[in-house]
Amino acid sequence: MFVKIVSPLFFPLPVVCETLALGLALLWFTRKQKTGKVLVTLGAAMLVLVGNRGISAALLRSLEQRYRPVALASLPGGPRGSARVWFVVVLGGDFSSDPRIDTASRLSQETIARLVEGVSLCKEPSQCKLILSGGPPGQAEAMRDVALALGVRQAEIVLESNSHNTEQEGVFIAPTVGKAPFLLVTSASHMPRAMALLRKQGMNPIAAPTDYLAKQHEKSIPEDMYPGYYGLYEATRAVYEYLGLTWERLNGEI
């Protein structure tokens, strides 16, 4: 809980606001005018840079391109035609327990993207179990309801509803998947951290990334030259994952 409270202070927009606030405080309440001007200028420059999609996308792409989309036909001894049961594990993302909205809307866009990919992959093997992982309250159950609406049979779904983070997801799904290879579905930017955490626990995940955000266009788009909310979003996602990788390395979790 402490990490989740403190880590947002290091996200791009909070860092910009902290820098600007300190600079303005120096300008208004001290004689350190030069230092204040430097900090305000630095804060404004950082805002322009992290909001620029060309820069933020490059930062995020460094995570997203580490694993390519999975091709079932290319897997050695893979799910297609296999006599044994294959598992497709879908990791949950953000979730809202707001009872005033429909079930699908409670799941974040990243969770929906992961779930759709998992359902698609689970339709390929002849024998497949779809493990839906998302901690309380109610995320895994909401994922199940959407999967059922997409045509997955109840008998093919296994719920993991006790975890609060990716490391715990690995702990709780390990007894089900054992040492056998399984398809791991999560956002492309989250995949490097998820793969490292689960491999550290002795599991054998096969990366099946989805929810790519840093998309490249055939032609340059003029809007990409200007700072905007999506650039900030991409930069925040990238910094979030790099902070997670750093923290978990320091703690020996990966």
C-alpha atoms as a PDB file:
ATOM      1  CA  MET A   1       0.000   0.000   0.000  1.00  0.00           C
ATOM      2  CA  PHE A   2       2.852   2.382   0.860  1.00  0.00           C
ATOM      3  CA  VAL A   3       4.407   1.884  -2.583  1.00  0.00           C
ATOM      4  CA  LYS A   4       1.101   2.618  -4.320  1.00  0.00           C
ATOM      5  CA  ILE A   5       0.767   5.859  -2.343  1.00  0.00           C
ATOM      6  CA  VAL A   6       4.336   7.058  -2.879  1.00  0.00           C
ATOM      7  CA  SER A   7       5.067   5.901  -6.438  1.00  0.00           C
ATOM      8  CA  PRO A   8       2.645   8.365  -8.145  1.00  0.00           C
ATOM      9  CA  LEU A   9       4.818  11.183  -6.826  1.00  0.00           C
ATOM     10  CA  PHE A  10       7.410  10.053  -9.400  1.00  0.00           C
ATOM     11  CA  PHE A  11       5.020   9.958 -12.358  1.00  0.00           C
ATOM     12  CA  PRO A  12       5.624  12.562 -15.087  1.00  0.00           C
ATOM     13  CA  LEU A  13       2.795  15.004 -14.348  1.00  0.00           C
ATOM     14  CA  PRO A  14       3.281  15.044 -10.542  1.00  0.00           C
ATOM     15  CA  VAL A  15       7.031  15.589 -11.050  1.00  0.00           C
ATOM     16  CA  VAL A  16       6.252  18.526 -13.348  1.00  0.00           C
ATOM     17  CA  CYS A  17       3.808  19.974 -10.797  1.00  0.00           C
ATOM     18  CA  GLU A  18       6.278  19.498  -7.943  1.00  0.00           C
ATOM     19  CA  THR A  19       9.011  21.274  -9.915  1.00  0.00           C
ATOM     20  CA  LEU A  20       6.717  24.150 -10.864  1.00  0.00           C
ATOM     21  CA  ALA A  21       5.375  24.476  -7.320  1.00  0.00           C
ATOM     22  CA  LEU A  22       8.866  24.646  -5.841  1.00  0.00           C
ATOM     23  CA  GLY A  23       9.958  27.191  -8.438  1.00  0.00           C
ATOM     24  CA  LEU A  24       6.907  29.377  -7.839  1.00  0.00           C
ATOM     25  CA  ALA A  25       7.386  29.166  -4.078  1.00  0.00           C
ATOM     26  CA  LEU A  26      10.955  30.412  -4.460  1.00  0.00           C
ATOM     27  CA  LEU A  27       9.829  33.244  -6.733  1.00  0.00           C
ATOM     28  CA  TRP A  28       7.017  34.408  -4.470  1.00  0.00           C
ATOM     29  CA  PHE A  29       8.415  33.868  -0.988  1.00  0.00           C
ATOM     30  CA  THR A  30      12.224  33.998  -1.177  1.00  0.00           C
ATOM     31  CA  ARG A  31      14.992  35.994  -2.730  1.00  0.00           C
ATOM     32  CA  LYS A  32      16.211  33.001  -4.742  1.00  0.00           C
ATOM     33  CA  GLN A  33      14.742  34.410  -7.913  1.00  0.00           C
ATOM     34  CA  LYS A  34      17.261  32.841 -10.265  1.00  0.00           C
ATOM     35  CA  THR A  35      16.737  29.350  -8.828  1.00  0.00           C
ATOM     36  CA  GLY A  36      12.985  29.849  -8.974  1.00  0.00           C
ATOM     37  CA  LYS A  37      13.123  30.875 -12.635  1.00  0.00           C
ATOM     38  CA  VAL A  38      15.281  27.867 -13.468  1.00  0.00           C
ATOM     39  CA  LEU A  39      12.832  25.486 -11.794  1.00  0.00           C
ATOM     40  CA  VAL A  40       9.784  27.022 -13.455  1.00  0.00           C
ATOM     41  CA  THR A  41      11.527  26.855 -16.831  1.00  0.00           C
ATOM     42  CA  LEU A  42      12.568  23.265 -16.168  1.00  0.00           C
ATOM     43  CA  GLY A  43       9.026  22.287 -15.177  1.00  0.00           C
ATOM     44  CA  ALA A  44       7.547  23.840 -18.313  1.00  0.00           C
ATOM     45  CA  ALA A  45      10.158  22.140 -20.490  1.00  0.00           C
ATOM     46  CA  MET A  46       9.470  18.754 -18.889  1.00  0.00           C
ATOM     47  CA  LEU A  47       5.747  19.190 -19.498  1.00  0.00           C
ATOM     48  CA  VAL A  48       6.343  19.838 -23.183  1.00  0.00           C
ATOM     49  CA  LEU A  49       8.717  16.890 -23.507  1.00  0.00           C
ATOM     50  CA  VAL A  50       6.704  14.207 -21.695  1.00  0.00           C
ATOM     51  CA  GLY A  51       3.517  15.358 -23.393  1.00  0.00           C
ATOM     52  CA  ASN A  52       5.079  14.991 -26.836  1.00  0.00           C
ATOM     53  CA  ARG A  53       3.913  11.703 -28.355  1.00  0.00           C
ATOM     54  CA  GLY A  54       7.115  11.206 -30.293  1.00  0.00           C
ATOM     55  CA  ILE A  55       9.087  11.099 -27.056  1.00  0.00           C
ATOM     56  CA  SER A  56       6.559   9.316 -24.842  1.00  0.00           C
ATOM     57  CA  ALA A  57       5.835   6.674 -27.488  1.00  0.00           C
ATOM     58  CA  ALA A  58       9.537   5.911 -27.876  1.00  0.00           C
ATOM     59  CA  LEU A  59       9.829   5.453 -24.105  1.00  0.00           C
ATOM     60  CA  LEU A  60       6.800   3.152 -24.003  1.00  0.00           C
ATOM     61  CA  ARG A  61       7.848   1.266 -27.144  1.00  0.00           C
ATOM     62  CA  SER A  62      11.067   0.236 -25.411  1.00  0.00           C
ATOM     63  CA  LEU A  63       8.855  -1.925 -23.175  1.00  0.00           C
ATOM     64  CA  GLU A  64       6.158  -2.944 -25.628  1.00  0.00           C
ATOM     65  CA  GLN A  65       8.503  -4.298 -28.292  1.00  0.00           C
ATOM     66  CA  ARG A  66      10.356  -6.745 -26.058  1.00  0.00           C
ATOM     67  CA  TYR A  67       7.781  -9.441 -26.836  1.00  0.00           C
ATOM     68  CA  ARG A  68       5.980  -9.942 -30.129  1.00  0.00           C
ATOM     69  CA  PRO A  69       2.340 -11.062 -30.478  1.00  0.00           C
ATOM     70  CA  VAL A  70       2.059 -14.818 -30.080  1.00  0.00           C
ATOM     71  CA  ALA A  71       1.502 -17.122 -33.060  1.00  0.00           C
ATOM     72  CA  LEU A  72      -0.024 -20.389 -31.868  1.00  0.00           C
ATOM     73  CA  ALA A  73       0.970 -22.299 -34.989  1.00  0.00           C
ATOM     74  CA  SER A  74       4.652 -21.532 -34.373  1.00  0.00           C
ATOM     75  CA  LEU A  75       4.768 -22.847 -30.811  1.00  0.00           C
ATOM     76  CA  PRO A  76       6.706 -26.118 -30.554  1.00  0.00           C
ATOM     77  CA  GLY A  77       4.253 -28.781 -29.389  1.00  0.00           C
ATOM     78  CA  GLY A  78       1.849 -25.938 -28.866  1.00  0.00           C
ATOM     79  CA  PRO A  79      -1.842 -25.785 -28.081  1.00  0.00           C
ATOM     80  CA  ARG A  80      -3.065 -26.668 -31.571  1.00  0.00           C
ATOM     81  CA  GLY A  81      -3.677 -30.393 -31.667  1.00  0.00           C
ATOM     82  CA  SER A  82      -2.282 -30.958 -28.187  1.00  0.00           C
ATOM     83  CA  ALA A  83      -3.826 -33.799 -26.203  1.00  0.00           C
ATOM     84  CA  ARG A  84      -3.382 -32.091 -22.855  1.00  0.00           C
ATOM     85  CA  VAL A  85      -5.100 -29.061 -21.402  1.00  0.00           C
ATOM     86  CA  TRP A  86      -3.522 -25.697 -22.132  1.00  0.00           C
ATOM     87  CA  PHE A  87      -3.952 -22.693 -19.878  1.00  0.00           C
ATOM     88  CA  VAL A  88      -4.432 -19.129 -21.045  1.00  0.00           C
ATOM     89  CA  VAL A  89      -3.829 -16.767 -18.122  1.00  0.00           C
ATOM     90  CA  VAL A  90      -5.291 -13.266 -18.385  1.00  0.00           C
ATOM     91  CA  LEU A  91      -3.992 -10.750 -15.849  1.00  0.00           C
ATOM     92  CA  GLY A  92      -6.428  -8.110 -14.675  1.00  0.00           C
ATOM     93  CA  GLY A  93      -5.871  -4.356 -14.747  1.00  0.00           C
ATOM     94  CA  ASP A  94      -7.768  -1.479 -13.194  1.00  0.00           C
ATOM     95  CA  PHE A  95     -11.278  -2.173 -11.963  1.00  0.00           C
ATOM     96  CA  SER A  96     -14.148  -0.142 -10.541  1.00  0.00           C
ATOM     97  CA  SER A  97     -16.672  -1.663  -8.148  1.00  0.00           C
ATOM     98  CA  ASP A  98     -19.212   1.109  -8.902  1.00  0.00           C
ATOM     99  CA  PRO A  99     -22.599  -0.712  -8.844  1.00  0.00           C
ATOM    100  CA  ARG A 100     -24.267   2.031 -10.893  1.00  0.00           C
ATOM    101  CA  ILE A 101     -22.555   1.016 -14.131  1.00  0.00           C
ATOM    102  CA  ASP A 102     -22.669  -2.143 -16.227  1.00  0.00           C
ATOM    103  CA  THR A 103     -20.213  -4.973 -15.696  1.00  0.00           C
ATOM    104  CA  ALA A 104     -18.107  -4.356 -18.813  1.00  0.00           C
ATOM    105  CA  SER A 105     -17.709  -0.662 -17.960  1.00  0.00           C
ATOM    106  CA  ARG A 106     -16.285  -1.560 -14.554  1.00  0.00           C
ATOM    107  CA  LEU A 107     -13.312  -3.120 -16.308  1.00  0.00           C
ATOM    108  CA  SER A 108     -10.645  -0.735 -17.627  1.00  0.00           C
ATOM    109  CA  GLN A 109      -9.864  -0.555 -21.335  1.00  0.00           C
ATOM    110  CA  GLU A 110      -6.601  -2.400 -20.761  1.00  0.00           C
ATOM    111  CA  THR A 111      -8.436  -5.223 -18.961  1.00  0.00           C
ATOM    112  CA  ILE A 112     -11.007  -5.499 -21.752  1.00  0.00           C
ATOM    113  CA  ALA A 113      -8.197  -5.673 -24.344  1.00  0.00           C
ATOM    114  CA  ARG A 114      -6.465  -8.423 -22.365  1.00  0.00           C
ATOM    115  CA  LEU A 115      -9.700 -10.351 -21.917  1.00  0.00           C
ATOM    116  CA  VAL A 116     -10.626 -10.218 -25.610  1.00  0.00           C
ATOM    117  CA  GLU A 117      -7.138 -11.491 -26.524  1.00  0.00           C
ATOM    118  CA  GLY A 118      -7.411 -14.285 -23.969  1.00  0.00           C
ATOM    119  CA  VAL A 119     -10.811 -15.350 -25.275  1.00  0.00           C
ATOM    120  CA  SER A 120      -9.456 -15.308 -28.836  1.00  0.00           C
ATOM    121  CA  LEU A 121      -6.504 -17.505 -27.885  1.00  0.00           C
ATOM    122  CA  CYS A 122      -8.651 -19.906 -25.916  1.00  0.00           C
ATOM    123  CA  LYS A 123     -10.859 -20.555 -28.931  1.00  0.00           C
ATOM    124  CA  GLU A 124      -7.882 -21.998 -30.823  1.00  0.00           C
ATOM    125  CA  PRO A 125      -6.788 -24.971 -28.680  1.00  0.00           C
ATOM    126  CA  SER A 126      -9.043 -28.002 -28.528  1.00  0.00           C
ATOM    127  CA  GLN A 127      -8.650 -28.217 -24.766  1.00  0.00           C
ATOM    128  CA  CYS A 128      -8.237 -24.879 -23.051  1.00  0.00           C
ATOM    129  CA  LYS A 129      -8.760 -23.414 -19.615  1.00  0.00           C
ATOM    130  CA  LEU A 130      -9.038 -19.634 -19.355  1.00  0.00           C
ATOM    131  CA  ILE A 131      -7.627 -18.409 -16.042  1.00  0.00           C
ATOM    132  CA  LEU A 132      -8.952 -14.945 -15.198  1.00  0.00           C
ATOM    133  CA  SER A 133      -6.864 -13.253 -12.547  1.00  0.00           C
ATOM    134  CA  GLY A 134      -7.924 -10.125 -10.695  1.00  0.00           C
ATOM    135  CA  GLY A 135      -8.118  -9.331  -7.026  1.00  0.00           C
ATOM    136  CA  PRO A 136     -11.024  -8.275  -4.871  1.00  0.00           C
ATOM    137  CA  PRO A 137     -13.529  -6.860  -4.912  1.00  0.00           C
ATOM    138  CA  GLY A 138     -15.108  -8.614  -7.875  1.00  0.00           C
ATOM    139  CA  GLN A 139     -12.678  -8.067 -10.770  1.00  0.00           C
ATOM    140  CA  ALA A 140     -12.209 -11.719 -11.727  1.00  0.00           C
ATOM    141  CA  GLU A 141     -15.954 -12.266 -11.512  1.00  0.00           C
ATOM    142  CA  ALA A 142     -16.601  -9.295 -13.800  1.00  0.00           C
ATOM    143  CA  MET A 143     -14.037 -10.663 -16.273  1.00  0.00           C
ATOM    144  CA  ARG A 144     -15.823 -14.008 -16.166  1.00  0.00           C
ATOM    145  CA  ASP A 145     -19.194 -12.406 -16.924  1.00  0.00           C
ATOM    146  CA  VAL A 146     -17.763 -10.652 -19.983  1.00  0.00           C
ATOM    147  CA  ALA A 147     -16.005 -13.837 -21.135  1.00  0.00           C
ATOM    148  CA  LEU A 148     -19.270 -15.746 -20.884  1.00  0.00           C
ATOM    149  CA  ALA A 149     -20.969 -13.050 -22.977  1.00  0.00           C
ATOM    150  CA  LEU A 150     -18.209 -13.505 -25.575  1.00  0.00           C
ATOM    151  CA  GLY A 151     -19.009 -17.193 -25.908  1.00  0.00           C
ATOM    152  CA  VAL A 152     -16.621 -18.897 -23.501  1.00  0.00           C
ATOM    153  CA  ARG A 153     -18.188 -21.819 -21.650  1.00  0.00           C
ATOM    154  CA  GLN A 154     -18.359 -21.727 -17.854  1.00  0.00           C
ATOM    155  CA  ALA A 155     -16.487 -25.051 -17.681  1.00  0.00           C
ATOM    156  CA  GLU A 156     -13.495 -23.480 -19.464  1.00  0.00           C
ATOM    157  CA  ILE A 157     -13.062 -20.656 -16.946  1.00  0.00           C
ATOM    158  CA  VAL A 158     -10.938 -20.708 -13.792  1.00  0.00           C
ATOM    159  CA  LEU A 159     -11.035 -17.702 -11.468  1.00  0.00           C
ATOM    160  CA  GLU A 160      -8.186 -16.293  -9.378  1.00  0.00           C
ATOM    161  CA  SER A 161      -9.736 -13.560  -7.258  1.00  0.00           C
ATOM    162  CA  ASN A 162      -7.403 -13.131  -4.276  1.00  0.00           C
ATOM    163  CA  SER A 163      -4.375 -11.257  -5.656  1.00  0.00           C
ATOM    164  CA  HIS A 164      -3.598  -7.564  -5.255  1.00  0.00           C
ATOM    165  CA  ASN A 165      -0.572  -7.334  -7.564  1.00  0.00           C
ATOM    166  CA  THR A 166       1.261  -9.235 -10.277  1.00  0.00           C
ATOM    167  CA  GLU A 167       3.548 -11.120  -7.894  1.00  0.00           C
ATOM    168  CA  GLN A 168       0.537 -12.397  -5.961  1.00  0.00           C
ATOM    169  CA  GLU A 169      -1.176 -13.379  -9.199  1.00  0.00           C
ATOM    170  CA  GLY A 170       1.750 -15.678  -9.881  1.00  0.00           C
ATOM    171  CA  VAL A 171       1.563 -17.162  -6.396  1.00  0.00           C
ATOM    172  CA  PHE A 172      -2.136 -17.958  -6.705  1.00  0.00           C
ATOM    173  CA  ILE A 173      -2.100 -19.379 -10.241  1.00  0.00           C
ATOM    174  CA  ALA A 174       1.044 -21.483  -9.719  1.00  0.00           C
ATOM    175  CA  PRO A 175      -0.799 -24.466  -8.142  1.00  0.00           C
ATOM    176  CA  THR A 176      -3.093 -24.611 -11.191  1.00  0.00           C
ATOM    177  CA  VAL A 177      -0.571 -24.304 -14.025  1.00  0.00           C
ATOM    178  CA  GLY A 178       2.349 -26.042 -12.322  1.00  0.00           C
ATOM    179  CA  LYS A 179       5.542 -26.248 -14.398  1.00  0.00           C
ATOM    180  CA  ALA A 180       3.765 -26.619 -17.729  1.00  0.00           C
ATOM    181  CA  PRO A 181       4.052 -23.836 -20.347  1.00  0.00           C
ATOM    182  CA  PHE A 182       1.024 -21.543 -20.515  1.00  0.00           C
ATOM    183  CA  LEU A 183       0.026 -18.460 -22.484  1.00  0.00           C
ATOM    184  CA  LEU A 184       0.295 -15.266 -20.462  1.00  0.00           C
ATOM    185  CA  VAL A 185      -1.902 -12.392 -21.621  1.00  0.00           C
ATOM    186  CA  THR A 186      -1.314  -8.876 -20.377  1.00  0.00           C
ATOM    187  CA  SER A 187      -0.609  -5.412 -21.748  1.00  0.00           C
ATOM    188  CA  ALA A 188       2.524  -5.203 -23.888  1.00  0.00           C
ATOM    189  CA  SER A 189       4.091  -2.593 -21.594  1.00  0.00           C
ATOM    190  CA  HIS A 190       3.417  -4.764 -18.534  1.00  0.00           C
ATOM    191  CA  MET A 191       4.671  -7.979 -20.128  1.00  0.00           C
ATOM    192  CA  PRO A 192       8.421  -7.604 -19.306  1.00  0.00           C
ATOM    193  CA  ARG A 193       7.666  -7.222 -15.601  1.00  0.00           C
ATOM    194  CA  ALA A 194       5.017  -9.948 -15.558  1.00  0.00           C
ATOM    195  CA  MET A 195       7.282 -12.435 -17.350  1.00  0.00           C
ATOM    196  CA  ALA A 196      10.164 -11.720 -14.976  1.00  0.00           C
ATOM    197  CA  LEU A 197       7.997 -12.107 -11.866  1.00  0.00           C
ATOM    198  CA  LEU A 198       6.413 -15.382 -12.949  1.00  0.00           C
ATOM    199  CA  ARG A 199       9.685 -16.894 -14.182  1.00  0.00           C
ATOM    200  CA  LYS A 200      11.266 -16.002 -10.831  1.00  0.00           C
ATOM    201  CA  GLN A 201       8.558 -18.120  -9.207  1.00  0.00           C
ATOM    202  CA  GLY A 202       9.537 -21.115 -11.342  1.00  0.00           C
ATOM    203  CA  MET A 203       6.705 -20.941 -13.881  1.00  0.00           C
ATOM    204  CA  ASN A 204       7.017 -21.187 -17.667  1.00  0.00           C
ATOM    205  CA  PRO A 205       4.889 -18.446 -19.237  1.00  0.00           C
ATOM    206  CA  ILE A 206       4.735 -17.848 -22.983  1.00  0.00           C
ATOM    207  CA  ALA A 207       4.231 -14.153 -23.682  1.00  0.00           C
ATOM    208  CA  ALA A 208       1.036 -13.197 -25.506  1.00  0.00           C
ATOM    209  CA  PRO A 209       1.092  -9.387 -25.312  1.00  0.00           C
ATOM    210  CA  THR A 210      -1.806  -7.160 -26.277  1.00  0.00           C
ATOM    211  CA  ASP A 211      -3.077  -3.630 -25.590  1.00  0.00           C
ATOM    212  CA  TYR A 212      -0.283  -1.944 -27.533  1.00  0.00           C
ATOM    213  CA  LEU A 213      -0.393   1.825 -27.029  1.00  0.00           C
ATOM    214  CA  ALA A 214       2.706   3.163 -28.822  1.00  0.00           C
ATOM    215  CA  LYS A 215       1.418   2.625 -32.329  1.00  0.00           C
ATOM    216  CA  GLN A 216       3.427   3.743 -35.346  1.00  0.00           C
ATOM    217  CA  HIS A 217       1.765   5.378 -38.346  1.00  0.00           C
ATOM    218  CA  GLU A 218       2.843   5.065 -41.950  1.00  0.00           C
ATOM    219  CA  LYS A 219       2.851   8.838 -42.225  1.00  0.00           C
ATOM    220  CA  SER A 220       3.693  11.375 -39.557  1.00  0.00           C
ATOM    221  CA  ILE A 221       0.697  12.953 -37.856  1.00  0.00           C
ATOM    222  CA  PRO A 222       0.968  16.727 -37.197  1.00  0.00           C
ATOM    223  CA  GLU A 223      -0.719  16.346 -33.799  1.00  0.00           C
ATOM    224  CA  ASP A 224       2.224  14.258 -32.595  1.00  0.00           C
ATOM    225  CA  MET A 225       4.424  17.359 -32.652  1.00  0.00           C
ATOM    226  CA  TYR A 226       2.388  18.985 -29.864  1.00  0.00           C
ATOM    227  CA  PRO A 227       2.135  18.000 -26.198  1.00  0.00           C
ATOM    228  CA  GLY A 228      -1.173  16.416 -25.233  1.00  0.00           C
ATOM    229  CA  TYR A 229      -2.975  14.218 -22.761  1.00  0.00           C
ATOM    230  CA  TYR A 230      -2.198  10.980 -24.613  1.00  0.00           C
ATOM    231  CA  GLY A 231       1.517  11.716 -24.562  1.00  0.00           C
ATOM    232  CA  LEU A 232       1.286  12.178 -20.802  1.00  0.00           C
ATOM    233  CA  TYR A 233      -0.659   8.917 -20.542  1.00  0.00           C
ATOM    234  CA  GLU A 234       1.969   6.986 -22.518  1.00  0.00           C
ATOM    235  CA  ALA A 235       4.793   8.498 -20.490  1.00  0.00           C
ATOM    236  CA  THR A 236       3.002   7.658 -17.250  1.00  0.00           C
ATOM    237  CA  ARG A 237       2.485   4.035 -18.282  1.00  0.00           C
ATOM    238  CA  ALA A 238       6.159   3.726 -19.195  1.00  0.00           C
ATOM    239  CA  VAL A 239       7.409   5.314 -15.977  1.00  0.00           C
ATOM    240  CA  TYR A 240       5.016   3.160 -13.936  1.00  0.00           C
ATOM    241  CA  GLU A 241       6.474  -0.022 -15.414  1.00  0.00           C
ATOM    242  CA  TYR A 242      10.090   1.092 -15.110  1.00  0.00           C
ATOM    243  CA  LEU A 243       9.514   2.052 -11.470  1.00  0.00           C
ATOM    244  CA  GLY A 244       7.956  -1.377 -10.897  1.00  0.00           C
ATOM    245  CA  LEU A 245      10.885  -3.156 -12.533  1.00  0.00           C
ATOM    246  CA  THR A 246      13.366  -1.158 -10.445  1.00  0.00           C
ATOM    247  CA  TRP A 247      11.518  -1.734  -7.173  1.00  0.00           C
ATOM    248  CA  GLU A 248      11.117  -5.465  -7.752  1.00  0.00           C
ATOM    249  CA  ARG A 249      14.788  -5.878  -8.696  1.00  0.00           C
ATOM    250  CA  LEU A 250      15.792  -4.122  -5.481  1.00  0.00           C
ATOM    251  CA  ASN A 251      13.550  -6.477  -3.515  1.00  0.00           C
ATOM    252  CA  GLY A 252      14.812  -9.578  -5.294  1.00  0.00           C
ATOM    253  CA  GLU A 253      11.388 -10.361  -6.755  1.00  0.00           C
ATOM    254  CA  ILE A 254      12.776 -10.582 -10.277  1.00  0.00           C
END
